[in-house]
Every structure is written in structure tokens, then in C-alpha cells.
Amino acid sequence: MSISVNYKNNNVLFSGKKQKMFFMSTNFRIIVFIIAIAISFLILSISAGIVNYSSIYALDAVVENKKEIGGNDDIKIIFNQPVIFLDFDNIDINPNIDLNLNLSDNNKILILSNNKLFLNEIKYEIELKNIRGFSGLLMKNKKFVFYTKSKIKKNKISDNNKKEFFSEFKLSKNKYIPPESSRPKNEIKIEPKFIEGKYIDISIANQVMTLFEDGIKTNSFLISSGKYGMPTPIGIFSVKKKEPNHWSSTYGLWMPYSMNFYGAFYIHELPYWPNGYREGEDHLGVRVSHGCIRLGVGPAEYVFDWSEIGTQVYVHY
């Protein structure tokens, strides 16, 4: 006995034995396909579970106070979960200084106290390395930056040492006092957009540039942004190119300490023309440029040296 089966529009004859083998192979393929789907689903579920576990139970840490600290203040680093083990090999501090490490009873707060006073007006960097949390996950590295205060209070400086003090303060490795013409007239509170690395914050409404490093404000200056009709672009950009003195063929002038951040837009010092005439510092704080960000003499060089290729530039109202 044979059965006629219409297969791909052709009449093909199968014997009973061949017909049985055909249906068995079809069923086998279906079973293999289902098993493959189940295995794939299981792998994806496990992977998602691992990712979800990592995101929820990852070890992290914050500094209790990121502002300037006094010379004999302690530094508290707070973890989001207990740490299993921590010693001097897990901590680097630059510049190097002798530290005492004290871990709280619940293993969640690390207190760094120094045998000697921190140096004045210095930026310190603390890096935590290869610390494992109670969850079992490893925090490979975490860096914090803080600054130490000046030893002398400004309101207690006598006339005799005022000039010497402010000269040292200006030339300090991590401090810079801008000229009066470049200082914001009012205290502007700007919340950091980014909390890691350096970035340049530009407030169009306040005509103020603020420098941040790891979420800490390091300085601020008056600027001049684009005038009405020629606005400065708004958004998140980055320093793409740096030139000690850029020649603008469009306007026929020099732009010292130029940093290109978008298209033909630059951050630069007050421009000057070939005849030597320079844009006045009394324009700082007023929207008068052709779209670039102008800085005063001094701050422009400081920002140029402080920034790097790739430093983020956040322009907002």
C-alpha cells in the first residue's frame, strides 16, 4: 500500500516506512527548535539577572563633604554597603601624606585622618582601588578630589603682608584669582551638570563661566556670549581644538587662547585687531560677541591651560 502526498505541487509517492521517517524527522526538527529557543531564553534571563544584580548591588562610595577642608579635618568616605576588607594598598593619595585609616563598626564609613596637617591651598586626589563589597562585587577604582583652605583668613590680612599673600595665592598651584573686571558681580549658584572629570559650565543668562572638576566648583569668570541675532549655541559640546592664537578670517581679528567647541564657535580671550586695538573688558558680562564665548585677559589663558581636548562644555540659559 502506498499514499500519495501533494508536496510542493508535485505528486510524490511515499511508502509507509518512508512516510513514518519523514514525520519523525519533522517532529525532531520542531523539538530541537523549541529546545534552542528555551536555552536562548534561559541564557538571556541569566545574563539579564547578572546585569540587574550588578546594577543594584554594585559597590559605590561618596565623600561626606566635597567642599574645601581645613588642614586638620578628617575625610569621611561613605560606602553604600559594608566592605569586606580594606588596607593601605587599596588607597592612593596624591600628593602623598601619612594617613590613619579607621573603618566604622558597620564597615560602611572610612575615616581618613592625618598625622600631619594637610598642606594649604592644595588639590588632593584620593583613589580607592580593588575594594570588594558585602555583595561580592568589586569596585575597581573610584577617585575623589578635594581642596584645602588657605591658612590665612582674608579679613585678617594686614596691609603689610596683603600684597605678598595675594601674590602667593594667585601663583598657587591650584588657585587663581581673576582680575576685578572678570569676577562675577553677584554670587551665582550653579549646580554641577556632571560629577566626574573636568567640564566648563556657561550660563548665558548670568554671563558667567564656571569651572567644575569632579562636581567641585574651582573658579568662575565673567564672559561675553553672542549678541541678540547671533546667539551662542546651546547644548553639551566638548573642546575639539586648541590654538594659542586663532586668526578669524571672517572678522579679520585675532582670538588668543582659542578653544573650538562647536562649528565655528570658540572660547577665547578678548579679541584684538591687526592695528593692536583690543575689545574692552567693560564688555564682559554683556552679550556682544558674534556667537563665541569671550573671556578677559588672564582668565582666558587660565581656562586654556586648565582644559584639555575632550573637556565637556555645557552651554545653557
Protein backbone atom coordinates (compact mmCIF):
# COMPACT_ATOMS: atom_id res chain seq x y z
CA MET A 1 0.00 0.00 0.00
CA SER A 2 1.26 3.49 -0.79
CA ILE A 3 -0.02 7.03 -0.03
CA SER A 4 0.06 9.89 -2.48
CA VAL A 5 1.08 13.24 -0.81
CA ASN A 6 0.97 16.60 -2.61
CA TYR A 7 4.41 18.09 -1.79
CA LYS A 8 5.49 21.37 -3.44
CA ASN A 9 2.74 20.99 -6.02
CA ASN A 10 4.13 17.62 -7.15
CA ASN A 11 2.59 14.20 -6.55
CA VAL A 12 5.20 12.17 -4.72
CA LEU A 13 4.65 8.64 -3.59
CA PHE A 14 5.88 7.61 -0.12
CA SER A 15 5.89 4.13 1.18
CA GLY A 16 4.52 3.65 4.70
CA LYS A 17 8.06 3.32 6.15
CA LYS A 18 9.37 6.43 4.41
CA GLN A 19 6.27 8.35 5.41
CA LYS A 20 6.90 7.47 9.08
CA MET A 21 10.56 8.56 8.84
CA PHE A 22 9.51 11.86 7.23
CA PHE A 23 7.12 12.75 10.07
CA MET A 24 9.68 11.66 12.66
CA SER A 25 12.35 13.97 11.18
CA THR A 26 9.85 16.85 11.08
CA ASN A 27 8.93 16.34 14.72
CA PHE A 28 12.62 16.10 15.62
CA ARG A 29 13.34 19.44 13.98
CA ILE A 30 10.45 21.05 15.84
CA ILE A 31 11.67 19.65 19.17
CA VAL A 32 15.23 20.87 18.51
CA PHE A 33 13.88 24.29 17.59
CA ILE A 34 11.84 24.51 20.82
CA ILE A 35 14.83 23.41 22.90
CA ALA A 36 17.05 26.02 21.21
CA ILE A 37 14.53 28.76 22.00
CA ALA A 38 14.30 27.59 25.62
CA ILE A 39 18.09 27.58 26.01
CA SER A 40 18.37 31.04 24.44
CA PHE A 41 15.67 32.37 26.76
CA LEU A 42 17.45 30.83 29.75
CA ILE A 43 20.80 32.39 28.75
CA LEU A 44 19.19 35.80 28.24
CA SER A 45 17.42 35.53 31.58
CA ILE A 46 20.65 34.63 33.37
CA SER A 47 22.53 37.47 31.62
CA ALA A 48 19.79 39.95 32.47
CA GLY A 49 19.83 38.71 36.03
CA ILE A 50 23.59 39.22 36.28
CA VAL A 51 23.36 42.72 34.81
CA ASN A 52 20.46 43.57 37.10
CA TYR A 53 22.34 42.20 40.10
CA SER A 54 25.43 44.23 39.19
CA SER A 55 23.47 47.45 38.80
CA ILE A 56 21.63 47.02 42.11
CA TYR A 57 24.39 45.65 44.32
CA ALA A 58 27.46 47.39 42.85
CA LEU A 59 29.77 48.89 45.47
CA ASP A 60 29.91 52.69 45.41
CA ALA A 61 31.19 55.47 47.65
CA VAL A 62 30.80 59.22 48.22
CA VAL A 63 32.73 61.77 50.24
CA GLU A 64 30.71 63.25 53.10
CA ASN A 65 31.82 66.79 52.29
CA LYS A 66 33.30 67.83 48.94
CA LYS A 67 33.95 71.46 49.84
CA GLU A 68 37.28 72.85 50.93
CA ILE A 69 38.52 71.32 54.14
CA GLY A 70 40.63 72.66 56.96
CA GLY A 71 44.18 71.50 57.49
CA ASN A 72 43.34 69.15 60.35
CA ASP A 73 39.90 67.98 59.23
CA ASP A 74 39.09 64.31 58.77
CA ILE A 75 37.77 62.96 55.49
CA LYS A 76 34.83 60.59 55.62
CA ILE A 77 34.15 58.23 52.72
CA ILE A 78 30.74 56.57 52.93
CA PHE A 79 30.06 53.27 51.15
CA ASN A 80 26.61 52.12 50.07
CA GLN A 81 27.26 48.68 51.63
CA PRO A 82 29.76 47.15 54.05
CA VAL A 83 33.20 46.44 52.63
CA ILE A 84 34.82 43.06 53.25
CA PHE A 85 38.45 44.13 53.50
CA LEU A 86 40.40 47.38 53.13
CA ASP A 87 44.01 48.41 53.85
CA PHE A 88 46.65 50.89 52.66
CA ASP A 89 47.15 49.01 49.40
CA ASN A 90 43.60 49.96 48.44
CA ILE A 91 44.18 53.71 48.78
CA ASP A 92 46.37 56.17 46.87
CA ILE A 93 46.60 59.84 47.79
CA ASN A 94 48.34 62.48 45.73
CA PRO A 95 50.28 64.45 46.97
CA ASN A 96 51.26 61.68 49.36
CA ILE A 97 50.66 62.21 53.06
CA ASP A 98 50.60 59.98 56.13
CA LEU A 99 47.08 58.84 56.92
CA ASN A 100 45.34 56.88 59.63
CA LEU A 101 42.58 54.59 58.36
CA ASN A 102 39.60 53.90 60.60
CA LEU A 103 36.69 51.78 59.43
CA SER A 104 33.39 52.13 61.29
CA ASP A 105 31.88 49.19 63.15
CA ASN A 106 29.44 48.52 60.32
CA ASN A 107 32.28 48.66 57.75
CA LYS A 108 30.44 51.35 55.75
CA ILE A 109 32.35 54.54 56.72
CA LEU A 110 36.06 55.03 56.12
CA ILE A 111 37.61 57.87 58.12
CA LEU A 112 40.90 59.27 56.86
CA SER A 113 42.78 61.33 59.45
CA ASN A 114 46.32 62.61 59.06
CA ASN A 115 49.22 62.64 61.46
CA LYS A 116 50.38 65.93 59.95
CA LEU A 117 48.30 68.83 58.72
CA PHE A 118 47.24 68.88 55.09
CA LEU A 119 49.13 71.46 53.08
CA ASN A 120 47.28 74.72 52.47
CA GLU A 121 45.70 75.63 49.12
CA ILE A 122 46.43 72.25 47.55
CA LYS A 123 44.31 69.91 45.48
CA TYR A 124 44.41 66.35 46.83
CA GLU A 125 43.27 63.29 44.92
CA ILE A 126 42.21 60.11 46.71
CA GLU A 127 41.77 56.92 44.68
CA LEU A 128 40.17 53.77 46.05
CA LYS A 129 41.25 50.60 44.25
CA ASN A 130 40.03 46.99 44.18
CA ILE A 131 37.68 47.11 47.15
CA ARG A 132 35.11 44.33 47.46
CA GLY A 133 31.72 44.93 48.96
CA PHE A 134 29.48 42.65 51.00
CA SER A 135 27.59 41.77 47.81
CA GLY A 136 30.79 40.21 46.47
CA LEU A 137 31.12 42.77 43.68
CA LEU A 138 34.41 44.59 43.20
CA MET A 139 34.84 48.35 42.91
CA LYS A 140 37.96 48.59 40.73
CA ASN A 141 38.57 52.30 41.22
CA LYS A 142 36.92 55.45 42.49
CA LYS A 143 38.58 58.87 42.60
CA PHE A 144 37.76 61.87 44.78
CA VAL A 145 39.15 65.38 44.64
CA PHE A 146 39.17 67.93 47.45
CA TYR A 147 40.88 71.20 48.21
CA THR A 148 42.41 72.55 51.39
CA LYS A 149 41.66 76.03 52.64
CA SER A 150 44.03 78.94 52.97
CA LYS A 151 45.73 79.17 56.34
CA ILE A 152 45.31 82.95 56.50
CA LYS A 153 41.82 84.41 56.58
CA LYS A 154 41.33 87.22 54.11
CA ASN A 155 39.69 89.57 56.60
CA LYS A 156 42.71 89.28 58.90
CA ILE A 157 45.39 90.19 56.37
CA SER A 158 47.32 93.28 57.32
CA ASP A 159 48.32 95.92 54.80
CA ASN A 160 51.96 94.90 55.19
CA ASN A 161 51.51 91.32 54.02
CA LYS A 162 48.42 91.76 51.82
CA LYS A 163 50.39 92.15 48.59
CA GLU A 164 52.67 89.22 49.37
CA PHE A 165 49.78 86.98 50.40
CA PHE A 166 47.66 87.61 47.34
CA SER A 167 50.69 87.20 45.07
CA GLU A 168 51.33 83.76 46.55
CA PHE A 169 47.63 82.96 46.43
CA LYS A 170 47.43 83.82 42.72
CA LEU A 171 50.55 81.84 41.88
CA SER A 172 49.44 78.84 43.95
CA LYS A 173 49.32 75.58 42.01
CA ASN A 174 45.58 75.16 42.37
CA LYS A 175 44.26 78.66 42.94
CA TYR A 176 43.72 81.57 40.62
CA ILE A 177 42.29 84.97 41.49
CA PRO A 178 40.91 86.65 38.36
CA PRO A 179 41.20 90.41 37.82
CA GLU A 180 38.36 92.50 39.18
CA SER A 181 36.94 93.06 35.68
CA SER A 182 36.47 89.28 35.20
CA ARG A 183 34.85 88.49 38.55
CA PRO A 184 31.08 87.87 38.65
CA LYS A 185 29.41 90.78 40.41
CA ASN A 186 26.96 88.56 42.27
CA GLU A 187 27.29 85.12 43.78
CA ILE A 188 25.80 82.72 41.23
CA LYS A 189 24.81 79.26 42.41
CA ILE A 190 25.31 76.74 39.62
CA GLU A 191 24.65 73.06 40.31
CA PRO A 192 27.14 70.79 38.53
CA LYS A 193 25.82 69.04 35.44
CA PHE A 194 28.50 66.33 35.62
CA ILE A 195 30.16 64.92 38.72
CA GLU A 196 33.14 63.19 37.12
CA GLY A 197 36.08 64.90 35.45
CA LYS A 198 36.51 68.47 34.30
CA TYR A 199 33.85 70.45 32.50
CA ILE A 200 33.15 74.07 31.56
CA ASP A 201 29.72 75.42 32.52
CA ILE A 202 28.48 78.51 30.67
CA SER A 203 25.37 80.32 31.87
CA ILE A 204 24.05 82.64 29.16
CA ALA A 205 21.52 84.27 31.48
CA ASN A 206 24.19 85.18 34.05
CA GLN A 207 27.05 85.66 31.55
CA VAL A 208 29.24 83.53 33.80
CA MET A 209 31.61 80.64 33.10
CA THR A 210 32.10 78.17 35.94
CA LEU A 211 34.81 75.52 36.01
CA PHE A 212 33.98 72.21 37.68
CA GLU A 213 36.18 69.24 38.48
CA ASP A 214 34.57 66.06 39.85
CA GLY A 215 31.50 68.05 40.84
CA ILE A 216 33.53 70.72 42.67
CA LYS A 217 33.46 74.36 41.59
CA THR A 218 37.05 75.53 41.12
CA ASN A 219 36.56 79.02 39.64
CA SER A 220 34.18 81.35 37.81
CA PHE A 221 34.60 84.27 35.40
CA LEU A 222 32.51 86.87 33.61
CA ILE A 223 32.07 86.22 29.89
CA SER A 224 30.52 87.81 26.83
CA SER A 225 28.40 85.47 24.73
CA GLY A 226 26.67 86.01 21.38
CA LYS A 227 24.65 89.16 20.93
CA TYR A 228 20.98 89.09 20.03
CA GLY A 229 20.62 87.86 16.47
CA MET A 230 23.95 85.99 16.67
CA PRO A 231 23.40 83.69 19.66
CA THR A 232 25.84 81.24 21.17
CA PRO A 233 24.67 77.64 20.54
CA ILE A 234 23.02 75.90 23.48
CA GLY A 235 23.82 72.29 24.36
CA ILE A 236 26.53 69.90 25.50
CA PHE A 237 29.74 70.11 23.49
CA SER A 238 33.45 69.43 24.03
CA VAL A 239 36.77 71.10 23.33
CA LYS A 240 37.75 69.92 19.86
CA LYS A 241 40.80 72.06 19.10
CA LYS A 242 43.09 74.46 20.97
CA GLU A 243 45.13 77.26 19.39
CA PRO A 244 47.30 79.78 21.25
CA ASN A 245 46.14 82.48 18.84
CA HIS A 246 43.47 81.86 16.22
CA TRP A 247 43.05 84.17 13.23
CA SER A 248 39.42 84.80 12.26
CA SER A 249 39.35 85.39 8.52
CA THR A 250 35.62 86.12 8.77
CA TYR A 251 36.05 89.15 11.02
CA GLY A 252 39.72 89.95 10.42
CA LEU A 253 40.91 89.74 14.02
CA TRP A 254 42.98 87.64 16.39
CA MET A 255 41.42 85.45 19.09
CA PRO A 256 44.06 84.49 21.71
CA TYR A 257 43.80 81.25 23.68
CA SER A 258 41.10 79.84 21.40
CA MET A 259 39.26 76.61 22.06
CA ASN A 260 36.88 75.41 19.39
CA PHE A 261 33.84 73.64 20.85
CA TYR A 262 31.26 73.61 18.01
CA GLY A 263 31.32 74.55 14.33
CA ALA A 264 32.96 77.99 14.03
CA PHE A 265 32.33 78.82 17.70
CA TYR A 266 35.24 79.32 20.11
CA ILE A 267 36.02 80.15 23.70
CA HIS A 268 38.75 82.79 23.56
CA GLU A 269 40.31 85.89 25.10
CA LEU A 270 39.04 89.37 24.23
CA PRO A 271 39.92 89.69 20.51
CA TYR A 272 42.24 92.28 19.01
CA TRP A 273 42.67 93.68 15.53
CA PRO A 274 45.93 93.85 13.49
CA ASN A 275 46.34 97.52 14.48
CA GLY A 276 46.52 96.44 18.13
CA TYR A 277 43.08 97.62 19.23
CA ARG A 278 41.51 95.16 21.70
CA GLU A 279 37.87 94.71 22.67
CA GLY A 280 37.28 96.42 26.02
CA GLU A 281 36.99 94.49 29.29
CA ASP A 282 33.96 96.62 30.16
CA HIS A 283 32.05 94.44 27.69
CA LEU A 284 32.45 91.39 29.92
CA GLY A 285 29.07 90.38 31.32
CA VAL A 286 27.26 91.73 28.22
CA ARG A 287 26.14 89.80 25.14
CA VAL A 288 28.23 91.46 22.43
CA SER A 289 30.12 88.70 20.59
CA HIS A 290 29.34 87.10 17.22
CA GLY A 291 28.49 83.84 18.99
CA CYS A 292 31.82 82.94 20.58
CA ILE A 293 32.47 82.97 24.33
CA ARG A 294 34.84 85.80 25.27
CA LEU A 295 36.95 85.78 28.42
CA GLY A 296 39.06 88.54 29.94
CA VAL A 297 42.83 88.84 29.80
CA GLY A 298 44.19 86.32 32.30
CA PRO A 299 41.18 84.04 32.75
CA ALA A 300 41.32 83.02 29.07
CA GLU A 301 44.87 81.76 29.46
CA TYR A 302 43.98 80.05 32.73
CA VAL A 303 41.00 78.21 31.18
CA PHE A 304 43.11 77.34 28.11
CA ASP A 305 45.77 75.70 30.30
CA TRP A 306 43.20 74.08 32.62
CA SER A 307 41.15 72.43 29.89
CA GLU A 308 42.06 69.52 27.64
CA ILE A 309 40.94 68.22 24.28
CA GLY A 310 37.67 66.47 25.04
CA THR A 311 36.77 68.59 28.10
CA GLN A 312 32.99 68.94 28.08
CA VAL A 313 31.38 72.34 27.53
CA TYR A 314 27.83 72.77 28.78
CA VAL A 315 26.11 75.92 27.46
CA HIS A 316 22.70 76.76 28.93
CA TYR A 317 20.48 79.65 29.91
